[in-house]
Protein backbone atom coordinates (compact mmCIF):
# COMPACT_ATOMS: atom_id res chain seq x y z
CA MET A 1 1.86 9.78 31.37
CA VAL A 2 -0.87 10.51 28.83
CA ASN A 3 -1.80 14.16 28.46
CA LYS A 4 -5.62 14.15 28.40
CA ARG A 5 -5.88 17.55 26.73
CA TYR A 6 -3.62 16.38 23.93
CA VAL A 7 -5.67 13.20 23.46
CA ALA A 8 -8.91 15.21 23.39
CA ARG A 9 -7.43 17.61 20.83
CA ARG A 10 -6.24 14.76 18.64
CA PHE A 11 -9.61 13.04 18.94
CA ALA A 12 -11.42 16.22 17.89
CA LEU A 13 -9.05 16.58 14.93
CA MET A 14 -9.77 12.98 13.98
CA LEU A 15 -13.53 13.63 13.96
CA ALA A 16 -13.07 16.82 11.93
CA SER A 17 -10.92 14.96 9.39
CA LEU A 18 -13.54 12.25 9.05
CA PHE A 19 -16.31 14.83 8.57
CA ILE A 20 -14.35 16.53 5.79
CA VAL A 21 -13.58 13.23 4.05
CA ILE A 22 -17.22 12.07 4.12
CA THR A 23 -18.35 15.45 2.79
CA ILE A 24 -15.84 15.30 -0.07
CA LEU A 25 -16.94 11.75 -0.91
CA PHE A 26 -20.59 12.80 -1.05
CA PHE A 27 -20.00 15.59 -3.55
CA LEU A 28 -17.29 13.73 -5.47
CA PHE A 29 -19.54 10.79 -6.33
CA ARG A 30 -22.16 13.21 -7.61
CA GLN A 31 -19.70 14.86 -10.01
CA VAL A 32 -18.85 11.71 -11.95
CA PRO A 33 -20.50 11.34 -15.38
CA GLY A 34 -24.16 10.46 -14.98
CA GLY A 35 -24.15 10.84 -11.21
CA PRO A 36 -26.37 8.53 -9.13
CA MET A 37 -28.97 8.62 -11.90
CA SER A 38 -26.72 6.46 -14.11
CA ALA A 39 -27.57 3.45 -11.96
CA PHE A 40 -31.09 3.58 -13.37
CA THR A 41 -30.38 3.90 -17.09
CA ASN A 42 -31.36 0.33 -17.89
CA PRO A 43 -33.21 0.61 -21.23
CA ARG A 44 -35.58 -2.19 -20.17
CA MET A 45 -36.79 -0.11 -17.20
CA SER A 46 -39.90 1.92 -17.95
CA GLN A 47 -39.89 5.65 -17.34
CA ALA A 48 -42.51 5.28 -14.62
CA ALA A 49 -40.53 2.59 -12.82
CA ARG A 50 -37.34 4.61 -13.13
CA GLN A 51 -39.03 7.72 -11.72
CA ALA A 52 -40.48 5.72 -8.83
CA VAL A 53 -37.05 4.39 -7.87
CA ILE A 54 -35.45 7.84 -8.13
CA GLU A 55 -38.12 9.28 -5.83
CA GLN A 56 -37.64 6.37 -3.44
CA TYR A 57 -33.96 7.26 -3.03
CA GLY A 58 -34.66 11.01 -2.92
CA LEU A 59 -32.45 11.76 -5.93
CA ASN A 60 -34.81 14.47 -7.16
CA ASP A 61 -34.30 16.55 -4.01
CA PRO A 62 -31.94 19.56 -4.03
CA LEU A 63 -28.32 18.60 -3.45
CA TRP A 64 -28.10 20.43 -0.11
CA ARG A 65 -31.12 18.50 1.18
CA GLN A 66 -29.62 15.19 0.04
CA TYR A 67 -26.39 16.13 1.80
CA ILE A 68 -28.06 16.98 5.13
CA ARG A 69 -30.14 13.79 5.02
CA TYR A 70 -27.04 11.74 4.18
CA MET A 71 -24.95 13.21 7.03
CA VAL A 72 -27.76 12.66 9.55
CA ASN A 73 -28.05 9.04 8.43
CA VAL A 74 -24.27 8.51 8.52
CA ALA A 75 -24.20 9.76 12.11
CA GLN A 76 -26.58 6.86 12.84
CA LEU A 77 -24.37 4.46 10.81
CA ASP A 78 -27.07 4.25 8.16
CA PHE A 79 -25.57 4.42 4.65
CA GLY A 80 -28.85 3.82 2.86
CA GLN A 81 -29.90 1.06 0.48
CA SER A 82 -27.79 -0.47 -2.26
CA PHE A 83 -28.96 0.37 -5.78
CA TYR A 84 -27.76 -3.04 -7.00
CA TYR A 85 -28.62 -5.43 -4.16
CA GLY A 86 -31.60 -3.54 -2.77
CA SER A 87 -30.40 -4.34 0.75
CA SER A 88 -28.88 -2.33 3.59
CA VAL A 89 -25.46 -0.88 2.76
CA SER A 90 -24.41 -1.09 6.41
CA ALA A 91 -25.11 -4.83 6.54
CA LEU A 92 -23.38 -5.39 3.20
CA ILE A 93 -20.16 -3.54 4.00
CA THR A 94 -20.07 -5.09 7.48
CA ASP A 95 -20.09 -8.55 5.91
CA ARG A 96 -17.42 -7.60 3.35
CA PHE A 97 -15.41 -5.83 6.06
CA LEU A 98 -15.27 -8.98 8.22
CA ASN A 99 -14.24 -11.06 5.19
CA THR A 100 -11.44 -8.63 4.38
CA MET A 101 -10.18 -8.28 7.95
CA SER A 102 -10.09 -12.04 8.46
CA LEU A 103 -7.70 -12.18 5.51
CA MET A 104 -5.67 -9.00 5.89
CA LEU A 105 -5.32 -8.95 9.67
CA THR A 106 -4.08 -12.54 9.68
CA ALA A 107 -1.61 -11.87 6.86
CA PHE A 108 -0.34 -8.58 8.31
CA THR A 109 0.08 -10.01 11.81
CA ILE A 110 2.19 -12.86 10.44
CA SER A 111 4.22 -10.67 8.08
CA TYR A 112 4.97 -7.94 10.65
CA THR A 113 5.83 -10.44 13.40
CA VAL A 114 8.16 -12.44 11.17
CA GLY A 115 9.51 -9.35 9.39
CA THR A 116 10.30 -7.49 12.62
CA TYR A 117 12.15 -10.46 14.08
CA LEU A 118 14.14 -11.23 10.92
CA GLY A 119 14.88 -7.53 10.37
CA ALA A 120 16.39 -7.26 13.84
CA GLN A 121 18.51 -10.34 13.19
CA LEU A 122 19.75 -9.08 9.81
CA GLY A 123 20.61 -5.70 11.32
CA TRP A 124 22.67 -7.41 14.00
CA LEU A 125 24.42 -9.58 11.37
CA ARG A 126 25.41 -6.63 9.19
CA GLY A 127 28.29 -7.39 6.83
CA THR A 128 28.00 -11.18 7.15
CA ALA A 129 27.18 -13.69 4.42
CA LYS A 130 23.85 -14.46 6.12
CA GLU A 131 22.82 -10.82 5.91
CA ARG A 132 23.72 -10.55 2.23
CA VAL A 133 21.81 -13.71 1.31
CA GLY A 134 18.83 -12.59 3.38
CA MET A 135 18.72 -9.18 1.71
CA VAL A 136 18.89 -10.71 -1.78
CA VAL A 137 15.96 -13.02 -0.99
CA VAL A 138 13.89 -10.22 0.56
CA LEU A 139 14.46 -7.78 -2.29
CA PHE A 140 13.72 -10.48 -4.88
CA VAL A 141 10.38 -11.41 -3.27
CA ARG A 142 9.50 -7.76 -2.66
CA SER A 143 10.15 -6.84 -6.30
CA MET A 144 7.62 -9.35 -7.65
CA PRO A 145 4.05 -8.05 -8.19
CA VAL A 146 1.82 -9.47 -5.48
CA PHE A 147 -0.88 -10.53 -7.97
CA TRP A 148 1.72 -12.46 -10.00
CA THR A 149 2.97 -14.18 -6.85
CA GLY A 150 -0.64 -15.05 -6.03
CA MET A 151 -1.26 -16.55 -9.46
CA VAL A 152 1.91 -18.66 -9.25
CA ILE A 153 1.00 -19.94 -5.78
CA LEU A 154 -2.57 -20.62 -6.92
CA TYR A 155 -1.36 -22.48 -10.01
CA VAL A 156 1.12 -24.65 -8.09
CA PHE A 157 -0.89 -25.49 -4.97
CA GLY A 158 -4.41 -25.16 -6.36
CA PHE A 159 -4.18 -26.58 -9.88
CA GLN A 160 -1.03 -28.71 -10.12
CA LEU A 161 -0.81 -30.21 -6.62
CA ASP A 162 -4.54 -29.78 -5.92
CA VAL A 163 -3.99 -29.51 -2.16
CA PHE A 164 -5.87 -26.24 -1.58
CA PRO A 165 -9.07 -24.73 -3.02
CA ILE A 166 -8.61 -22.38 -5.97
CA GLY A 167 -10.91 -19.61 -4.79
CA GLY A 168 -13.66 -18.32 -2.57
CA MET A 169 -13.80 -18.46 1.21
CA ARG A 170 -15.92 -21.59 1.67
CA GLU A 171 -17.53 -24.41 -0.27
CA SER A 172 -20.71 -23.44 -2.09
CA THR A 173 -22.73 -25.95 -0.08
CA ALA A 174 -21.44 -24.78 3.30
CA SER A 175 -23.73 -22.86 5.65
CA TYR A 176 -23.20 -21.55 9.18
CA ASP A 177 -25.55 -20.48 11.94
CA THR A 178 -23.35 -17.67 13.25
CA THR A 179 -20.52 -15.43 12.03
CA THR A 180 -18.20 -16.95 14.64
CA ALA A 181 -18.92 -20.44 13.37
CA LYS A 182 -18.11 -19.31 9.82
CA PHE A 183 -14.72 -17.85 10.67
CA LEU A 184 -13.68 -20.73 12.94
CA SER A 185 -14.74 -23.50 10.58
CA THR A 186 -12.13 -25.82 9.09
CA ASP A 187 -13.52 -25.10 5.63
CA PHE A 188 -12.92 -21.35 6.01
CA LEU A 189 -9.40 -21.81 7.41
CA TYR A 190 -8.61 -24.17 4.54
CA HIS A 191 -9.60 -21.50 1.99
CA LEU A 192 -7.64 -18.88 3.95
CA VAL A 193 -4.23 -20.57 3.59
CA LEU A 194 -3.21 -19.58 0.05
CA PRO A 195 -4.21 -15.88 0.10
CA VAL A 196 -2.67 -15.42 3.56
CA PHE A 197 0.53 -17.15 2.45
CA THR A 198 0.70 -14.91 -0.63
CA LEU A 199 0.17 -11.66 1.28
CA SER A 200 2.47 -12.67 4.16
CA THR A 201 5.28 -13.55 1.77
CA TYR A 202 4.99 -10.21 -0.02
CA TYR A 203 4.47 -7.89 2.94
CA THR A 204 7.16 -9.38 5.21
CA GLY A 205 9.73 -7.34 3.30
CA LEU A 206 8.49 -3.92 4.50
CA PRO A 207 8.80 -4.42 8.29
CA LEU A 208 11.98 -6.42 7.73
CA LEU A 209 13.72 -3.61 5.87
CA LEU A 210 12.41 -0.97 8.29
CA MET A 211 13.57 -2.92 11.31
CA ARG A 212 16.97 -3.72 9.82
CA ASN A 213 17.70 -0.09 8.96
CA ASN A 214 16.52 1.12 12.37
CA ILE A 215 18.64 -1.47 14.17
CA LEU A 216 21.70 -0.30 12.25
CA GLU A 217 21.09 3.26 13.49
CA VAL A 218 20.32 2.25 17.07
CA LEU A 219 23.42 0.06 17.43
CA SER A 220 25.60 3.16 17.18
CA GLU A 221 23.92 4.78 20.22
CA SER A 222 25.84 5.17 23.47
CA TYR A 223 23.32 3.25 25.58
CA ILE A 224 23.93 0.16 23.44
CA ASP A 225 27.66 0.42 24.21
CA THR A 226 26.76 0.72 27.89
CA ALA A 227 24.60 -2.41 27.73
CA ARG A 228 27.44 -4.32 26.11
CA ALA A 229 29.91 -3.05 28.70
CA LYS A 230 27.66 -4.47 31.43
CA GLY A 231 28.25 -7.92 29.97
CA LEU A 232 24.71 -8.49 28.74
CA THR A 233 24.19 -11.23 26.17
CA ASN A 234 23.88 -10.27 22.52
CA ARG A 235 20.27 -11.44 22.49
CA ARG A 236 19.39 -9.23 25.46
CA VAL A 237 21.16 -6.22 23.97
CA LEU A 238 19.36 -6.71 20.67
CA PHE A 239 15.81 -7.46 21.76
CA VAL A 240 15.58 -5.63 25.10
CA HIS A 241 17.58 -2.47 24.41
CA ALA A 242 17.98 -1.98 20.65
CA ALA A 243 14.69 -3.38 19.33
CA ARG A 244 12.51 -1.37 21.71
CA THR A 245 13.60 1.89 20.08
CA ALA A 246 14.01 0.52 16.56
CA ILE A 247 10.48 -0.86 16.47
CA LEU A 248 8.77 2.56 16.64
CA PRO A 249 8.55 3.17 12.84
CA VAL A 250 7.44 -0.44 12.40
CA VAL A 251 4.55 0.11 14.82
CA THR A 252 3.50 3.19 12.86
CA ALA A 253 3.71 1.28 9.57
CA PHE A 254 1.68 -1.59 11.03
CA ALA A 255 -1.06 0.73 12.30
CA ILE A 256 -1.33 2.47 8.93
CA ALA A 257 -1.24 -0.90 7.14
CA ILE A 258 -4.16 -2.14 9.24
CA GLY A 259 -6.05 0.99 8.25
CA PHE A 260 -5.50 0.42 4.56
CA ALA A 261 -6.24 -3.29 5.02
CA VAL A 262 -9.90 -2.35 5.37
CA GLY A 263 -9.86 -1.51 1.67
CA GLY A 264 -8.49 -4.96 1.08
CA GLN A 265 -5.91 -6.07 -1.39
CA VAL A 266 -8.11 -5.79 -4.47
CA LEU A 267 -5.82 -7.76 -6.78
CA ILE A 268 -5.46 -10.63 -4.32
CA GLU A 269 -9.20 -10.65 -3.67
CA GLN A 270 -9.69 -10.90 -7.43
CA VAL A 271 -7.09 -13.66 -7.90
CA PHE A 272 -8.51 -15.80 -5.10
CA SER A 273 -12.17 -14.74 -5.62
CA TRP A 274 -12.30 -13.49 -2.04
CA PRO A 275 -15.55 -11.58 -1.32
CA GLY A 276 -13.88 -8.69 0.48
CA LEU A 277 -14.48 -4.98 0.81
CA GLY A 278 -11.87 -3.93 -1.75
CA ARG A 279 -13.40 -6.09 -4.43
CA GLU A 280 -16.87 -4.81 -3.53
CA MET A 281 -15.71 -1.18 -3.76
CA VAL A 282 -14.45 -1.71 -7.30
CA GLN A 283 -17.61 -3.52 -8.38
CA ALA A 284 -19.84 -0.89 -6.75
CA SER A 285 -18.02 1.89 -8.59
CA LEU A 286 -18.36 0.07 -11.92
CA ARG A 287 -22.07 -0.52 -11.29
CA SER A 288 -22.64 3.09 -10.16
CA ASP A 289 -23.86 1.71 -6.84
CA TYR A 290 -22.97 4.94 -5.04
CA PRO A 291 -24.40 4.15 -1.59
CA VAL A 292 -22.16 1.08 -1.35
CA ALA A 293 -19.11 2.88 -2.78
CA GLN A 294 -19.58 5.87 -0.46
CA GLY A 295 -20.12 3.67 2.58
CA ALA A 296 -17.07 1.54 1.82
CA PHE A 297 -14.80 4.54 1.24
CA ALA A 298 -16.14 6.22 4.40
CA LEU A 299 -15.33 3.11 6.43
CA LEU A 300 -11.86 2.93 4.91
CA SER A 301 -11.24 6.59 5.75
CA ALA A 302 -12.49 6.15 9.32
CA ILE A 303 -10.19 3.20 9.98
CA VAL A 304 -7.12 4.87 8.43
CA ILE A 305 -7.66 8.06 10.47
CA THR A 306 -8.31 6.08 13.65
CA MET A 307 -5.23 3.88 13.24
CA ASN A 308 -3.06 6.96 12.73
CA PHE A 309 -4.43 8.27 16.02
CA VAL A 310 -3.70 4.94 17.74
CA ALA A 311 -0.16 4.84 16.33
CA ASP A 312 0.47 8.34 17.65
CA LEU A 313 -0.60 7.35 21.17
CA ALA A 314 1.34 4.08 21.05
CA TYR A 315 4.62 6.00 20.84
CA THR A 316 4.33 7.05 24.48
CA TYR A 317 4.25 3.49 25.70
CA LEU A 318 7.14 2.32 23.55
CA ASP A 319 9.55 5.23 23.94
CA PRO A 320 9.73 7.14 27.26
CA ARG A 321 11.42 10.03 25.45
CA VAL A 322 8.17 10.82 23.68
CA ARG A 323 5.91 13.21 25.61
CA LEU A 324 2.37 13.79 24.47
CA GLY A 325 1.48 17.41 24.11
CA GLU A 326 5.09 18.52 23.78
CA SER A 327 6.88 19.49 20.59
């Protein structure tokens, strides 16, 4: 049973955390060398033109006035105009956000599904040759840098075998009427294969190791012995009784991973030229495009904080021993 007061308290804490993070981001970006003004230091820009642009963005106003205006706009999901593109930041980061989530959510769903299942199996097979071989393979793959794995996969399947595109998320000549049509097109799915395969291969190791270690702990519990004494099959004991408790830390890790997925896997987005949010954050910071950088980091913070909140609530539905609002 969900304690409504506890949920309300956690929700209020989530909003307070987000407010603090956005405030810190606002002042932090204005403390870097040059501040927002550095975006307009192009020597080819006349002083009059530069001054006109600065006044347009309100950069001559006192800092406290800029802050109040910014927070009011953020409350309306308005992050201003990009210094570089000259377009709406909200529209830009929404587009990059969807590109990133189409990649990361697909990869994480595959890796956590496969990793959780294989981790449970390896935990059950502790001490066997299969478990030892499985652990060697997992640790080997996990120890390789993900960008290096991506470059190898790209070289083999993109350059040598030439069976998949070497970058981007669609052909340059492709155009779509709607966002749904773009993400469901064969062209998009074709470009999605290699980066998803790279990320899934790398990230499967984390849920696998978590699940294996948790299964090893759970199998020593008395209720597992009781289930075995009842004559239940090994599969039922493992997946109905043991896995339900062992999966709790995996759920938390998945929720947090989804939060950080918003920031994208910058190295993978670079290797595969994927126009995601992580890549855009790096480029915006290098270009001193502070509205885009602030908006992207604010979105990342909001998703991470929200997914932590969701993971906390999910515990009640997965483990009846957990009681919301109780220590």
